Amino acid sequence: MSKVEGPKSGNAITEPQQAMRPGTVLALVDDLIFQAKLAETARQVGVELKTVASGEALVAEAGAAQAGLVIVDLNARGGALEALEKLREAGNSAPVVAFLSHVQMELAESARAAGCTEVLPRSKFTRELVTILSRAKSEKE
């Protein structure tokens, strides 16, 4: 939590540490080929992309990067679901779009319970990637 002086009394007001920074996307993806696809699409759309390969790195980077959108591969090694829970516990309110295999219904429900804004099958996520990344850009403008 960061501290900000209150307007009248000088008392400290606690604000969430992770304020959203529109136009910046933080992605937990450990597949190098998919990281490259994300990076190229982000470049074409005009958004800043930071990728991490573990849940621990996602939590650490979310505090520093202050992303306006978080993307999570729920099949990434390194605790994707636990990282989502930690993000929300820390007060991070950035929208989270997660993707997984279309047959992983139980994991999809767990991700929604952990605070995912949207959970998509990997094929639909890939098909809608430009639109998803464009949302981050439109909030920037």
Protein backbone atom coordinates (compact mmCIF):
# COMPACT_ATOMS: atom_id res chain seq x y z
CA MET A 1 0.00 0.00 0.00
CA SER A 2 1.22 3.50 -0.77
CA LYS A 3 0.46 6.47 1.44
CA VAL A 4 -1.01 9.74 0.21
CA GLU A 5 -1.61 12.82 2.33
CA GLY A 6 -5.29 13.57 2.97
CA PRO A 7 -6.60 16.87 1.61
CA LYS A 8 -7.62 18.53 4.91
CA SER A 9 -6.15 16.89 7.95
CA GLY A 10 -2.78 15.75 6.65
CA ASN A 11 -3.69 12.20 7.67
CA ALA A 12 -2.35 9.44 5.50
CA ILE A 13 -4.88 7.77 3.22
CA THR A 14 -4.07 4.25 2.12
CA GLU A 15 -4.53 3.58 -1.59
CA PRO A 16 -4.04 0.32 -3.45
CA GLN A 17 -0.41 -0.14 -4.46
CA GLN A 18 -1.29 -1.27 -7.97
CA ALA A 19 -2.99 1.60 -9.76
CA MET A 20 -3.80 0.71 -13.35
CA ARG A 21 -1.64 2.17 -16.09
CA PRO A 22 -3.67 2.01 -19.30
CA GLY A 23 -1.89 0.80 -22.41
CA THR A 24 0.35 -1.58 -20.49
CA VAL A 25 -0.23 -5.33 -20.54
CA LEU A 26 1.41 -7.79 -18.15
CA ALA A 27 1.30 -11.42 -19.31
CA LEU A 28 2.13 -14.67 -17.53
CA VAL A 29 3.05 -16.99 -20.40
CA ASP A 30 5.85 -19.55 -20.20
CA ASP A 31 5.52 -20.78 -23.81
CA LEU A 32 8.26 -18.96 -25.77
CA ILE A 33 6.46 -19.27 -29.11
CA PHE A 34 3.28 -17.83 -27.65
CA GLN A 35 5.30 -15.06 -25.96
CA ALA A 36 6.62 -14.11 -29.39
CA LYS A 37 3.08 -14.07 -30.82
CA LEU A 38 1.90 -11.86 -27.96
CA ALA A 39 4.84 -9.51 -28.38
CA GLU A 40 4.32 -9.11 -32.12
CA THR A 41 0.59 -8.54 -31.75
CA ALA A 42 1.14 -6.02 -28.94
CA ARG A 43 3.63 -4.17 -31.14
CA GLN A 44 1.13 -4.06 -34.01
CA VAL A 45 -1.68 -2.85 -31.74
CA GLY A 46 0.57 -0.30 -30.03
CA VAL A 47 0.51 -1.43 -26.41
CA GLU A 48 3.42 -1.99 -24.07
CA LEU A 49 3.83 -5.67 -23.13
CA LYS A 50 5.78 -7.18 -20.26
CA THR A 51 5.91 -10.99 -20.11
CA VAL A 52 6.82 -13.15 -17.14
CA ALA A 53 7.19 -16.91 -16.92
CA SER A 54 6.05 -17.68 -13.37
CA GLY A 55 3.29 -16.78 -10.96
CA GLU A 56 5.82 -15.40 -8.51
CA ALA A 57 7.23 -13.08 -11.18
CA LEU A 58 3.69 -11.98 -12.10
CA VAL A 59 2.95 -10.91 -8.54
CA ALA A 60 6.28 -9.07 -8.25
CA GLU A 61 5.95 -7.36 -11.62
CA ALA A 62 2.29 -6.39 -11.07
CA GLY A 63 3.38 -4.15 -8.23
CA ALA A 64 6.10 -2.53 -10.31
CA ALA A 65 4.51 -2.41 -13.78
CA GLN A 66 1.02 -1.28 -12.74
CA ALA A 67 -0.53 -2.85 -15.82
CA GLY A 68 -3.92 -1.85 -17.17
CA LEU A 69 -4.53 -5.44 -18.30
CA VAL A 70 -3.19 -8.77 -17.06
CA ILE A 71 -3.14 -11.88 -19.27
CA VAL A 72 -2.62 -15.30 -17.70
CA ASP A 73 -1.99 -18.69 -19.29
CA LEU A 74 -3.62 -20.91 -16.66
CA ASN A 75 -1.48 -23.82 -17.84
CA ALA A 76 1.79 -21.98 -17.24
CA ARG A 77 4.11 -23.70 -14.82
CA GLY A 78 4.78 -21.84 -11.61
CA GLY A 79 1.44 -21.22 -9.93
CA ALA A 80 -0.77 -19.14 -12.19
CA LEU A 81 -3.90 -19.63 -10.09
CA GLU A 82 -2.12 -18.86 -6.83
CA ALA A 83 -0.65 -15.71 -8.40
CA LEU A 84 -4.14 -14.53 -9.36
CA GLU A 85 -5.30 -14.95 -5.79
CA LYS A 86 -2.29 -13.00 -4.49
CA LEU A 87 -2.91 -10.18 -6.99
CA ARG A 88 -6.46 -9.72 -5.78
CA GLU A 89 -5.46 -10.03 -2.12
CA ALA A 90 -2.93 -7.23 -2.71
CA GLY A 91 -5.70 -5.00 -4.03
CA ASN A 92 -4.78 -5.18 -7.71
CA SER A 93 -7.94 -4.34 -9.64
CA ALA A 94 -6.58 -4.61 -13.19
CA PRO A 95 -8.79 -6.68 -15.51
CA VAL A 96 -7.47 -10.23 -15.90
CA VAL A 97 -8.01 -12.26 -19.07
CA ALA A 98 -7.00 -15.89 -18.65
CA PHE A 99 -6.88 -18.70 -21.18
CA LEU A 100 -6.69 -22.49 -20.99
CA SER A 101 -7.64 -25.67 -22.82
CA HIS A 102 -11.35 -25.77 -23.62
CA VAL A 103 -11.80 -29.01 -21.63
CA GLN A 104 -10.54 -27.60 -18.32
CA MET A 105 -13.90 -26.50 -16.92
CA GLU A 106 -12.94 -26.93 -13.27
CA LEU A 107 -9.81 -24.82 -13.71
CA ALA A 108 -11.89 -22.15 -15.47
CA GLU A 109 -14.25 -21.95 -12.49
CA SER A 110 -11.31 -21.76 -10.08
CA ALA A 111 -9.84 -18.90 -12.13
CA ARG A 112 -13.13 -16.99 -12.02
CA ALA A 113 -13.28 -17.52 -8.26
CA ALA A 114 -9.70 -16.21 -7.98
CA GLY A 115 -10.71 -12.97 -9.68
CA CYS A 116 -10.36 -13.43 -13.44
CA THR A 117 -12.47 -10.98 -15.36
CA GLU A 118 -12.65 -13.27 -18.38
CA VAL A 119 -11.63 -16.91 -18.95
CA LEU A 120 -11.37 -18.08 -22.56
CA PRO A 121 -10.39 -21.27 -24.36
CA ARG A 122 -6.93 -20.84 -25.86
CA SER A 123 -8.32 -20.98 -29.42
CA LYS A 124 -10.79 -18.15 -28.78
CA PHE A 125 -8.14 -16.13 -26.93
CA THR A 126 -5.80 -16.47 -29.91
CA ARG A 127 -8.55 -15.53 -32.35
CA GLU A 128 -9.51 -12.45 -30.30
CA LEU A 129 -5.99 -11.40 -29.28
CA VAL A 130 -6.01 -8.16 -31.29
CA THR A 131 -9.34 -7.16 -29.76
CA ILE A 132 -8.20 -8.06 -26.24
CA LEU A 133 -4.98 -6.07 -26.55
CA SER A 134 -6.85 -3.18 -28.20
CA ARG A 135 -8.97 -2.84 -25.06
CA ALA A 136 -5.82 -1.94 -23.14
CA LYS A 137 -4.93 0.60 -25.82
CA SER A 138 -8.37 2.20 -25.88
CA GLU A 139 -8.19 2.81 -22.14
CA LYS A 140 -4.86 4.54 -22.74
CA GLU A 141 -6.36 7.13 -25.09
